[in-house]
PDB file of N, CA and C in Angstrom:
ATOM      1  N   MET A   1     123.959  76.944  83.299  1.00  0.00           N
ATOM      2  CA  MET A   1     122.766  76.711  83.453  1.00  0.00           C
ATOM      3  C   MET A   1     122.072  77.504  84.086  1.00  0.00           C
ATOM      4  N   ALA A   2     120.921  77.684  84.203  1.00  0.00           N
ATOM      5  CA  ALA A   2     119.802  78.287  84.909  1.00  0.00           C
ATOM      6  C   ALA A   2     119.746  77.441  86.237  1.00  0.00           C
ATOM      7  N   ALA A   3     119.560  77.927  87.336  1.00  0.00           N
ATOM      8  CA  ALA A   3     118.956  77.668  88.271  1.00  0.00           C
ATOM      9  C   ALA A   3     117.705  77.267  88.392  1.00  0.00           C
ATOM     10  N   SER A   4     116.627  75.705  89.227  1.00  0.00           N
ATOM     11  CA  SER A   4     115.421  75.952  88.897  1.00  0.00           C
ATOM     12  C   SER A   4     115.105  77.020  90.200  1.00  0.00           C
ATOM     13  N   ILE A   5     113.728  77.329  90.062  1.00  0.00           N
ATOM     14  CA  ILE A   5     113.516  78.389  91.027  1.00  0.00           C
ATOM     15  C   ILE A   5     111.867  77.679  91.467  1.00  0.00           C
ATOM     16  N   ALA A   6     111.970  77.429  92.634  1.00  0.00           N
ATOM     17  CA  ALA A   6     110.490  77.105  93.442  1.00  0.00           C
ATOM     18  C   ALA A   6     109.492  77.890  93.236  1.00  0.00           C
ATOM     19  N   CYS A   7     108.148  77.532  92.776  1.00  0.00           N
ATOM     20  CA  CYS A   7     107.640  78.860  92.765  1.00  0.00           C
ATOM     21  C   CYS A   7     106.632  78.850  93.966  1.00  0.00           C
ATOM     22  N   SER A   8     106.008  79.440  94.892  1.00  0.00           N
ATOM     23  CA  SER A   8     104.649  79.131  95.554  1.00  0.00           C
ATOM     24  C   SER A   8     103.995  80.322  95.980  1.00  0.00           C
ATOM     25  N   PHE A   9     102.767  80.230  94.732  1.00  0.00           N
ATOM     26  CA  PHE A   9     101.898  81.369  94.807  1.00  0.00           C
ATOM     27  C   PHE A   9     100.599  80.776  93.981  1.00  0.00           C
ATOM     28  N   PHE A  10      99.576  81.770  94.561  1.00  0.00           N
ATOM     29  CA  PHE A  10      98.399  81.416  93.883  1.00  0.00           C
ATOM     30  C   PHE A  10      97.954  82.093  92.788  1.00  0.00           C
ATOM     31  N   PHE A  11      97.081  81.624  92.049  1.00  0.00           N
ATOM     32  CA  PHE A  11      96.414  81.961  90.667  1.00  0.00           C
ATOM     33  C   PHE A  11      96.014  83.508  91.108  1.00  0.00           C
ATOM     34  N   PHE A  12      95.241  83.776  92.073  1.00  0.00           N
ATOM     35  CA  PHE A  12      94.852  85.208  92.177  1.00  0.00           C
ATOM     36  C   PHE A  12      96.056  86.435  92.070  1.00  0.00           C
ATOM     37  N   ASP A  13      97.135  85.619  92.787  1.00  0.00           N
ATOM     38  CA  ASP A  13      98.318  86.732  92.993  1.00  0.00           C
ATOM     39  C   ASP A  13      99.038  86.733  91.544  1.00  0.00           C
ATOM     40  N   THR A  14      98.387  86.324  90.466  1.00  0.00           N
ATOM     41  CA  THR A  14      99.279  86.434  89.468  1.00  0.00           C
ATOM     42  C   THR A  14      98.602  87.071  88.293  1.00  0.00           C
ATOM     43  N   GLU A  15      97.100  87.636  88.669  1.00  0.00           N
ATOM     44  CA  GLU A  15      96.069  87.620  87.616  1.00  0.00           C
ATOM     45  C   GLU A  15      96.274  89.108  86.665  1.00  0.00           C
ATOM     46  N   ARG A  16      96.111  88.942  85.465  1.00  0.00           N
ATOM     47  CA  ARG A  16      96.312  90.252  84.821  1.00  0.00           C
ATOM     48  C   ARG A  16      95.526  91.722  85.118  1.00  0.00           C
ATOM     49  N   LEU A  17      95.710  92.533  84.954  1.00  0.00           N
ATOM     50  CA  LEU A  17      95.103  93.485  85.298  1.00  0.00           C
ATOM     51  C   LEU A  17      93.940  93.624  84.316  1.00  0.00           C
ATOM     52  N   ALA A  18      93.172  93.976  84.878  1.00  0.00           N
ATOM     53  CA  ALA A  18      91.252  94.258  84.211  1.00  0.00           C
ATOM     54  C   ALA A  18      91.703  94.495  82.702  1.00  0.00           C
ATOM     55  N   GLU A  19      91.006  94.130  82.015  1.00  0.00           N
ATOM     56  CA  GLU A  19      91.583  94.553  80.358  1.00  0.00           C
ATOM     57  C   GLU A  19      90.157  95.754  80.623  1.00  0.00           C
ATOM     58  N   ALA A  20      90.680  96.729  79.554  1.00  0.00           N
ATOM     59  CA  ALA A  20      89.557  97.968  79.377  1.00  0.00           C
ATOM     60  C   ALA A  20      88.122  96.926  79.240  1.00  0.00           C
ATOM     61  N   GLY A  21      87.177  97.800  79.373  1.00  0.00           N
ATOM     62  CA  GLY A  21      86.205  97.475  79.281  1.00  0.00           C
ATOM     63  C   GLY A  21      85.302  95.961  79.962  1.00  0.00           C
ATOM     64  N   MET A  22      86.702  94.994  80.653  1.00  0.00           N
ATOM     65  CA  MET A  22      85.926  94.131  81.117  1.00  0.00           C
ATOM     66  C   MET A  22      86.082  94.390  82.633  1.00  0.00           C
ATOM     67  N   PRO A  23      85.010  94.349  83.771  1.00  0.00           N
ATOM     68  CA  PRO A  23      84.779  94.242  85.148  1.00  0.00           C
ATOM     69  C   PRO A  23      86.068  93.433  85.878  1.00  0.00           C
ATOM     70  N   ALA A  24      86.579  94.236  86.986  1.00  0.00           N
ATOM     71  CA  ALA A  24      87.515  93.810  87.917  1.00  0.00           C
ATOM     72  C   ALA A  24      86.704  92.717  88.701  1.00  0.00           C
ATOM     73  N   LEU A  25      87.183  91.663  89.119  1.00  0.00           N
ATOM     74  CA  LEU A  25      86.525  90.593  90.510  1.00  0.00           C
ATOM     75  C   LEU A  25      86.962  90.955  91.671  1.00  0.00           C
ATOM     76  N   ASP A  26      86.999  92.701  91.729  1.00  0.00           N
ATOM     77  CA  ASP A  26      87.343  93.285  92.943  1.00  0.00           C
ATOM     78  C   ASP A  26      85.814  93.910  93.856  1.00  0.00           C
ATOM     79  N   ALA A  27      85.137  94.068  92.490  1.00  0.00           N
ATOM     80  CA  ALA A  27      83.685  94.624  93.523  1.00  0.00           C
ATOM     81  C   ALA A  27      82.377  94.389  92.836  1.00  0.00           C
ATOM     82  N   CYS A  28      81.322  94.852  93.371  1.00  0.00           N
ATOM     83  CA  CYS A  28      80.186  93.997  92.762  1.00  0.00           C
ATOM     84  C   CYS A  28      79.693  95.172  91.490  1.00  0.00           C
ATOM     85  N   ALA A  29      79.776  94.619  90.320  1.00  0.00           N
ATOM     86  CA  ALA A  29      79.181  95.656  89.184  1.00  0.00           C
ATOM     87  C   ALA A  29      77.897  96.276  89.559  1.00  0.00           C
ATOM     88  N   LEU A  30      77.474  96.318  90.530  1.00  0.00           N
ATOM     89  CA  LEU A  30      75.795  97.118  90.832  1.00  0.00           C
ATOM     90  C   LEU A  30      75.913  98.256  91.818  1.00  0.00           C
ATOM     91  N   CYS A  31      75.981  97.175  92.755  1.00  0.00           N
ATOM     92  CA  CYS A  31      76.536  97.729  94.367  1.00  0.00           C
ATOM     93  C   CYS A  31      77.906  98.212  94.748  1.00  0.00           C
ATOM     94  N   THR A  32      79.027  98.323  93.966  1.00  0.00           N
ATOM     95  CA  THR A  32      80.121  97.920  94.326  1.00  0.00           C
ATOM     96  C   THR A  32      80.731  97.950  95.840  1.00  0.00           C
ATOM     97  N   LYS A  33      80.162  96.716  96.349  1.00  0.00           N
ATOM     98  CA  LYS A  33      80.569  96.148  97.526  1.00  0.00           C
ATOM     99  C   LYS A  33      81.822  95.276  97.095  1.00  0.00           C
ATOM    100  N   PRO A  34      83.162  95.803  97.836  1.00  0.00           N
ATOM    101  CA  PRO A  34      84.476  95.037  97.635  1.00  0.00           C
ATOM    102  C   PRO A  34      84.086  93.675  97.707  1.00  0.00           C
ATOM    103  N   LEU A  35      84.101  92.652  97.103  1.00  0.00           N
ATOM    104  CA  LEU A  35      84.296  91.234  97.039  1.00  0.00           C
ATOM    105  C   LEU A  35      85.533  90.382  97.385  1.00  0.00           C
ATOM    106  N   ALA A  36      85.018  89.813  98.473  1.00  0.00           N
ATOM    107  CA  ALA A  36      86.253  88.893  99.347  1.00  0.00           C
ATOM    108  C   ALA A  36      86.856  87.938  98.922  1.00  0.00           C
ATOM    109  N   ARG A  37      88.026  87.479  98.296  1.00  0.00           N
ATOM    110  CA  ARG A  37      88.287  86.367  97.938  1.00  0.00           C
ATOM    111  C   ARG A  37      87.938  85.149  98.685  1.00  0.00           C
ATOM    112  N   ASP A  38      87.233  84.659  99.553  1.00  0.00           N
ATOM    113  CA  ASP A  38      86.618  83.635 100.059  1.00  0.00           C
ATOM    114  C   ASP A  38      85.254  83.810 100.197  1.00  0.00           C
ATOM    115  N   SER A  39      84.225  84.589  99.422  1.00  0.00           N
ATOM    116  CA  SER A  39      82.923  84.615  99.612  1.00  0.00           C
ATOM    117  C   SER A  39      82.869  84.222  98.246  1.00  0.00           C
ATOM    118  N   ASP A  40      81.532  83.721  97.921  1.00  0.00           N
ATOM    119  CA  ASP A  40      81.195  83.862  96.774  1.00  0.00           C
ATOM    120  C   ASP A  40      80.942  84.740  95.753  1.00  0.00           C
ATOM    121  N   ILE A  41      80.963  84.452  94.631  1.00  0.00           N
ATOM    122  CA  ILE A  41      80.805  85.641  93.657  1.00  0.00           C
ATOM    123  C   ILE A  41      79.655  84.912  92.761  1.00  0.00           C
ATOM    124  N   PHE A  42      78.684  85.952  92.607  1.00  0.00           N
ATOM    125  CA  PHE A  42      77.501  85.849  91.325  1.00  0.00           C
ATOM    126  C   PHE A  42      77.864  86.331  90.111  1.00  0.00           C
ATOM    127  N   MET A  43      78.121  85.232  89.055  1.00  0.00           N
ATOM    128  CA  MET A  43      78.660  85.952  87.944  1.00  0.00           C
ATOM    129  C   MET A  43      77.196  86.350  87.038  1.00  0.00           C
ATOM    130  N   TYR A  44      77.332  86.955  86.065  1.00  0.00           N
ATOM    131  CA  TYR A  44      76.109  87.515  85.039  1.00  0.00           C
ATOM    132  C   TYR A  44      76.935  87.830  83.393  1.00  0.00           C
ATOM    133  N   ARG A  45      76.448  86.992  82.595  1.00  0.00           N
ATOM    134  CA  ARG A  45      76.665  87.277  81.143  1.00  0.00           C
ATOM    135  C   ARG A  45      78.477  87.057  80.944  1.00  0.00           C
ATOM    136  N   GLY A  46      78.680  86.050  81.667  1.00  0.00           N
ATOM    137  CA  GLY A  46      80.307  85.500  81.206  1.00  0.00           C
ATOM    138  C   GLY A  46      81.121  86.199  82.618  1.00  0.00           C
ATOM    139  N   ASP A  47      81.477  87.108  82.623  1.00  0.00           N
ATOM    140  CA  ASP A  47      82.245  88.224  82.988  1.00  0.00           C
ATOM    141  C   ASP A  47      81.860  89.301  83.951  1.00  0.00           C
ATOM    142  N   THR A  48      80.693  89.197  84.501  1.00  0.00           N
ATOM    143  CA  THR A  48      80.254  90.777  85.383  1.00  0.00           C
ATOM    144  C   THR A  48      80.099  90.160  86.750  1.00  0.00           C
ATOM    145  N   PRO A  49      80.789  90.313  87.724  1.00  0.00           N
ATOM    146  CA  PRO A  49      80.638  89.947  88.756  1.00  0.00           C
ATOM    147  C   PRO A  49      79.527  90.705  89.822  1.00  0.00           C
ATOM    148  N   PHE A  50      78.924  89.577  90.758  1.00  0.00           N
ATOM    149  CA  PHE A  50      77.725  90.615  91.864  1.00  0.00           C
ATOM    150  C   PHE A  50      78.088  89.938  92.811  1.00  0.00           C
ATOM    151  N   CYS A  51      77.782  90.746  94.101  1.00  0.00           N
ATOM    152  CA  CYS A  51      77.989  90.422  95.541  1.00  0.00           C
ATOM    153  C   CYS A  51      77.243  89.117  96.175  1.00  0.00           C
ATOM    154  N   SER A  52      76.348  89.038  95.608  1.00  0.00           N
ATOM    155  CA  SER A  52      74.743  88.358  95.854  1.00  0.00           C
ATOM    156  C   SER A  52      73.857  88.463  94.739  1.00  0.00           C
ATOM    157  N   GLU A  53      73.063  87.094  94.862  1.00  0.00           N
ATOM    158  CA  GLU A  53      72.195  86.740  93.427  1.00  0.00           C
ATOM    159  C   GLU A  53      70.976  87.937  93.571  1.00  0.00           C
ATOM    160  N   GLU A  54      70.887  88.371  94.787  1.00  0.00           N
ATOM    161  CA  GLU A  54      69.540  90.042  94.466  1.00  0.00           C
ATOM    162  C   GLU A  54      70.747  90.813  93.693  1.00  0.00           C
ATOM    163  N   CYS A  55      71.652  91.533  93.923  1.00  0.00           N
ATOM    164  CA  CYS A  55      71.938  92.323  92.941  1.00  0.00           C
ATOM    165  C   CYS A  55      72.109  91.494  91.475  1.00  0.00           C
ATOM    166  N   ARG A  56      72.758  90.346  91.195  1.00  0.00           N
ATOM    167  CA  ARG A  56      72.306  90.133  89.894  1.00  0.00           C
ATOM    168  C   ARG A  56      71.312  89.774  89.406  1.00  0.00           C
ATOM    169  N   ASP A  57      70.138  89.750  90.113  1.00  0.00           N
ATOM    170  CA  ASP A  57      68.946  89.306  89.835  1.00  0.00           C
ATOM    171  C   ASP A  57      68.448  90.855  89.240  1.00  0.00           C
ATOM    172  N   GLU A  58      68.656  91.836  90.329  1.00  0.00           N
ATOM    173  CA  GLU A  58      68.400  93.424  89.924  1.00  0.00           C
ATOM    174  C   GLU A  58      69.070  93.584  88.615  1.00  0.00           C
ATOM    175  N   GLN A  59      70.490  93.223  88.154  1.00  0.00           N
ATOM    176  CA  GLN A  59      70.942  93.772  87.077  1.00  0.00           C
ATOM    177  C   GLN A  59      69.921  93.119  85.708  1.00  0.00           C
ATOM    178  N   MET A  60      69.991  91.737  86.303  1.00  0.00           N
ATOM    179  CA  MET A  60      69.108  91.000  85.133  1.00  0.00           C
ATOM    180  C   MET A  60      67.466  91.840  84.826  1.00  0.00           C
ATOM    181  N   GLN A  61      66.899  91.697  85.773  1.00  0.00           N
ATOM    182  CA  GLN A  61      65.692  92.817  85.515  1.00  0.00           C
ATOM    183  C   GLN A  61      66.069  94.456  84.655  1.00  0.00           C
ATOM    184  N   LEU A  62      66.947  95.145  85.087  1.00  0.00           N
ATOM    185  CA  LEU A  62      67.428  96.167  84.601  1.00  0.00           C
ATOM    186  C   LEU A  62      67.879  96.023  82.994  1.00  0.00           C
ATOM    187  N   ASP A  63      68.405  95.304  82.520  1.00  0.00           N
ATOM    188  CA  ASP A  63      69.050  95.033  81.309  1.00  0.00           C
ATOM    189  C   ASP A  63      67.544  94.386  80.846  1.00  0.00           C
ATOM    190  N   ALA A  64      66.936  93.595  81.225  1.00  0.00           N
ATOM    191  CA  ALA A  64      65.345  93.420  80.733  1.00  0.00           C
ATOM    192  C   ALA A  64      64.599  94.645  80.262  1.00  0.00           C
ATOM    193  N   VAL A  65      64.689  95.032  81.086  1.00  0.00           N
ATOM    194  CA  VAL A  65      63.838  96.905  80.686  1.00  0.00           C
ATOM    195  C   VAL A  65      64.580  97.645  79.489  1.00  0.00           C
ATOM    196  N   ARG A  66      65.869  97.402  79.595  1.00  0.00           N
ATOM    197  CA  ARG A  66      66.753  98.181  78.702  1.00  0.00           C
ATOM    198  C   ARG A  66      66.627  97.404  77.519  1.00  0.00           C
ATOM    199  N   ASP A  67      66.364  96.040  77.383  1.00  0.00           N
ATOM    200  CA  ASP A  67      66.111  95.449  75.932  1.00  0.00           C
ATOM    201  C   ASP A  67      64.844  95.839  75.785  1.00  0.00           C
ATOM    202  N   ARG A  68      63.673  95.642  76.290  1.00  0.00           N
ATOM    203  CA  ARG A  68      62.687  96.332  75.760  1.00  0.00           C
ATOM    204  C   ARG A  68      62.492  97.184  75.294  1.00  0.00           C
ATOM    205  N   GLN A  69      63.112  98.425  76.173  1.00  0.00           N
ATOM    206  CA  GLN A  69      62.987  99.439  75.480  1.00  0.00           C
ATOM    207  C   GLN A  69      63.688  99.849  74.240  1.00  0.00           C
ATOM    208  N   ALA A  70      64.539  99.131  74.100  1.00  0.00           N
ATOM    209  CA  ALA A  70      65.302  99.192  72.805  1.00  0.00           C
ATOM    210  C   ALA A  70      64.230  98.993  71.608  1.00  0.00           C
ATOM    211  N   ALA A  71      64.033  97.547  71.960  1.00  0.00           N
ATOM    212  CA  ALA A  71      63.475  96.955  71.060  1.00  0.00           C
ATOM    213  C   ALA A  71      61.581  97.980  70.369  1.00  0.00           C
ATOM    214  N   ARG A  72      61.258  98.632  71.371  1.00  0.00           N
ATOM    215  CA  ARG A  72      60.320  99.542  71.298  1.00  0.00           C
ATOM    216  C   ARG A  72      60.927 100.453  70.613  1.00  0.00           C
ATOM    217  N   ARG A  73      61.931 100.793  70.838  1.00  0.00           N
ATOM    218  CA  ARG A  73      62.455 101.901  69.954  1.00  0.00           C
ATOM    219  C   ARG A  73      62.224 101.700  68.472  1.00  0.00           C
ATOM    220  N   LEU A  74      63.326 100.700  68.563  1.00  0.00           N
ATOM    221  CA  LEU A  74      63.501 100.011  67.209  1.00  0.00           C
ATOM    222  C   LEU A  74      62.013  99.605  66.087  1.00  0.00           C
ATOM    223  N   ARG A  75      60.798  99.332  66.586  1.00  0.00           N
ATOM    224  CA  ARG A  75      59.558  99.250  66.233  1.00  0.00           C
ATOM    225  C   ARG A  75      59.092 100.712  65.565  1.00  0.00           C
ATOM    226  N   GLN A  76      59.263 101.488  66.393  1.00  0.00           N
ATOM    227  CA  GLN A  76      58.906 102.604  66.669  1.00  0.00           C
ATOM    228  C   GLN A  76      59.359 103.473  65.323  1.00  0.00           C
ATOM    229  N   TYR A  77      60.470 103.266  65.462  1.00  0.00           N
ATOM    230  CA  TYR A  77      61.410 103.886  64.530  1.00  0.00           C
ATOM    231  C   TYR A  77      61.211 103.143  62.804  1.00  0.00           C
ATOM    232  N   ALA A  78      60.967 101.963  62.764  1.00  0.00           N
ATOM    233  CA  ALA A  78      60.746 101.010  61.360  1.00  0.00           C
ATOM    234  C   ALA A  78      59.445 101.481  61.015  1.00  0.00           C
ATOM    235  N   SER A  79      58.395 101.852  62.054  1.00  0.00           N
ATOM    236  CA  SER A  79      57.416 101.811  61.575  1.00  0.00           C
ATOM    237  C   SER A  79      57.133 103.764  61.460  1.00  0.00           C
ATOM    238  N   GLY A  80      57.803 104.250  61.679  1.00  0.00           N
ATOM    239  CA  GLY A  80      58.312 105.683  61.420  1.00  0.00           C
ATOM    240  C   GLY A  80      58.472 105.560  59.849  1.00  0.00           C
ATOM    241  N   THR A  81      59.506 105.086  59.801  1.00  0.00           N
ATOM    242  CA  THR A  81      59.946 104.793  58.365  1.00  0.00           C
ATOM    243  C   THR A  81      59.745 104.187  57.294  1.00  0.00           C
ATOM    244  N   GLU A  82      58.386 103.621  57.409  1.00  0.00           N
ATOM    245  CA  GLU A  82      57.417 102.991  56.822  1.00  0.00           C
ATOM    246  C   GLU A  82      56.303 103.991  56.464  1.00  0.00           C
ATOM    247  N   ALA A  83      56.067 104.823  57.137  1.00  0.00           N
ATOM    248  CA  ALA A  83      54.643 105.705  57.135  1.00  0.00           C
ATOM    249  C   ALA A  83      55.720 106.683  56.086  1.00  0.00           C
ATOM    250  N   ARG A  84      56.805 107.356  56.486  1.00  0.00           N
ATOM    251  CA  ARG A  84      57.557 108.044  55.800  1.00  0.00           C
ATOM    252  C   ARG A  84      57.194 107.775  54.427  1.00  0.00           C
ATOM    253  N   ARG A  85      57.737 106.387  54.109  1.00  0.00           N
ATOM    254  CA  ARG A  85      58.167 105.745  52.682  1.00  0.00           C
ATOM    255  C   ARG A  85      56.774 106.012  51.887  1.00  0.00           C
ATOM    256  N   GLY A  86      55.426 105.475  52.863  1.00  0.00           N
ATOM    257  CA  GLY A  86      54.115 105.613  51.695  1.00  0.00           C
ATOM    258  C   GLY A  86      53.941 107.285  52.172  1.00  0.00           C
ATOM    259  N   HIS A  87      54.308 107.985  52.886  1.00  0.00           N
ATOM    260  CA  HIS A  87      53.547 109.249  52.545  1.00  0.00           C
ATOM    261  C   HIS A  87      54.579 109.872  51.321  1.00  0.00           C
ATOM    262  N   GLN A  88      55.662 109.409  51.167  1.00  0.00           N
ATOM    263  CA  GLN A  88      56.707 110.068  50.067  1.00  0.00           C
ATOM    264  C   GLN A  88      56.222 109.507  48.648  1.00  0.00           C
ATOM    265  N   GLU A  89      55.533 107.989  48.434  1.00  0.00           N
ATOM    266  CA  GLU A  89      55.002 107.439  47.424  1.00  0.00           C
ATOM    267  C   GLU A  89      53.689 108.264  47.109  1.00  0.00           C
ATOM    268  N   SER A  90      53.219 108.714  47.781  1.00  0.00           N
ATOM    269  CA  SER A  90      51.080 109.307  47.923  1.00  0.00           C
ATOM    270  C   SER A  90      51.557 110.627  47.369  1.00  0.00           C
ATOM    271  N   ARG A  91      52.997 111.046  47.436  1.00  0.00           N
ATOM    272  CA  ARG A  91      52.850 112.376  46.632  1.00  0.00           C
ATOM    273  C   ARG A  91      53.135 112.621  45.080  1.00  0.00           C
ATOM    274  N   LYS A  92      53.628 111.088  44.627  1.00  0.00           N
ATOM    275  CA  LYS A  92      53.982 111.003  43.210  1.00  0.00           C
ATOM    276  C   LYS A  92      52.640 110.670  42.258  1.00  0.00           C
ATOM    277  N   VAL A  93      52.511 111.552  41.644  1.00  0.00           N
ATOM    278  CA  VAL A  93      51.044 111.882  41.247  1.00  0.00           C
ATOM    279  C   VAL A  93      51.248 111.219  39.255  1.00  0.00           C
ATOM    280  N   SER A  94      50.903 110.248  39.104  1.00  0.00           N
ATOM    281  CA  SER A  94      50.963 110.342  37.728  1.00  0.00           C
ATOM    282  C   SER A  94      49.838 110.815  36.801  1.00  0.00           C
ATOM    283  N   VAL A  95      50.457 111.426  35.888  1.00  0.00           N
ATOM    284  CA  VAL A  95      49.292 112.095  35.102  1.00  0.00           C
ATOM    285  C   VAL A  95      49.098 111.583  33.671  1.00  0.00           C
ATOM    286  N   VAL A  96      48.094 111.253  33.479  1.00  0.00           N
ATOM    287  CA  VAL A  96      47.880 110.405  32.302  1.00  0.00           C
ATOM    288  C   VAL A  96      47.416 111.431  31.370  1.00  0.00           C
ATOM    289  N   SER A  97      47.796 111.590  30.136  1.00  0.00           N
ATOM    290  CA  SER A  97      47.184 112.391  29.114  1.00  0.00           C
ATOM    291  C   SER A  97      47.078 112.139  27.793  1.00  0.00           C
TER     292      SER A  97
END
């Protein structure tokens, strides 16, 4: 028979190591300030930790700028594709005899 073993540990003592691509909860994702276990952690997008509301807000602003730039590039690409398509069609000349 196996003897029962009393366990006394805390959740954070048995945390898995951070998975690839996921930030660990040991430092702010923006300023890399160490996060204390007894201090508040401000989360963003589900799994990204920040040491303060200011760091989180700054990351949110950076993401908004990046998203606007990506949307602008996509619009420019789409308009360039349409212009090239129109230019190619205008080169097709029908000859009526």
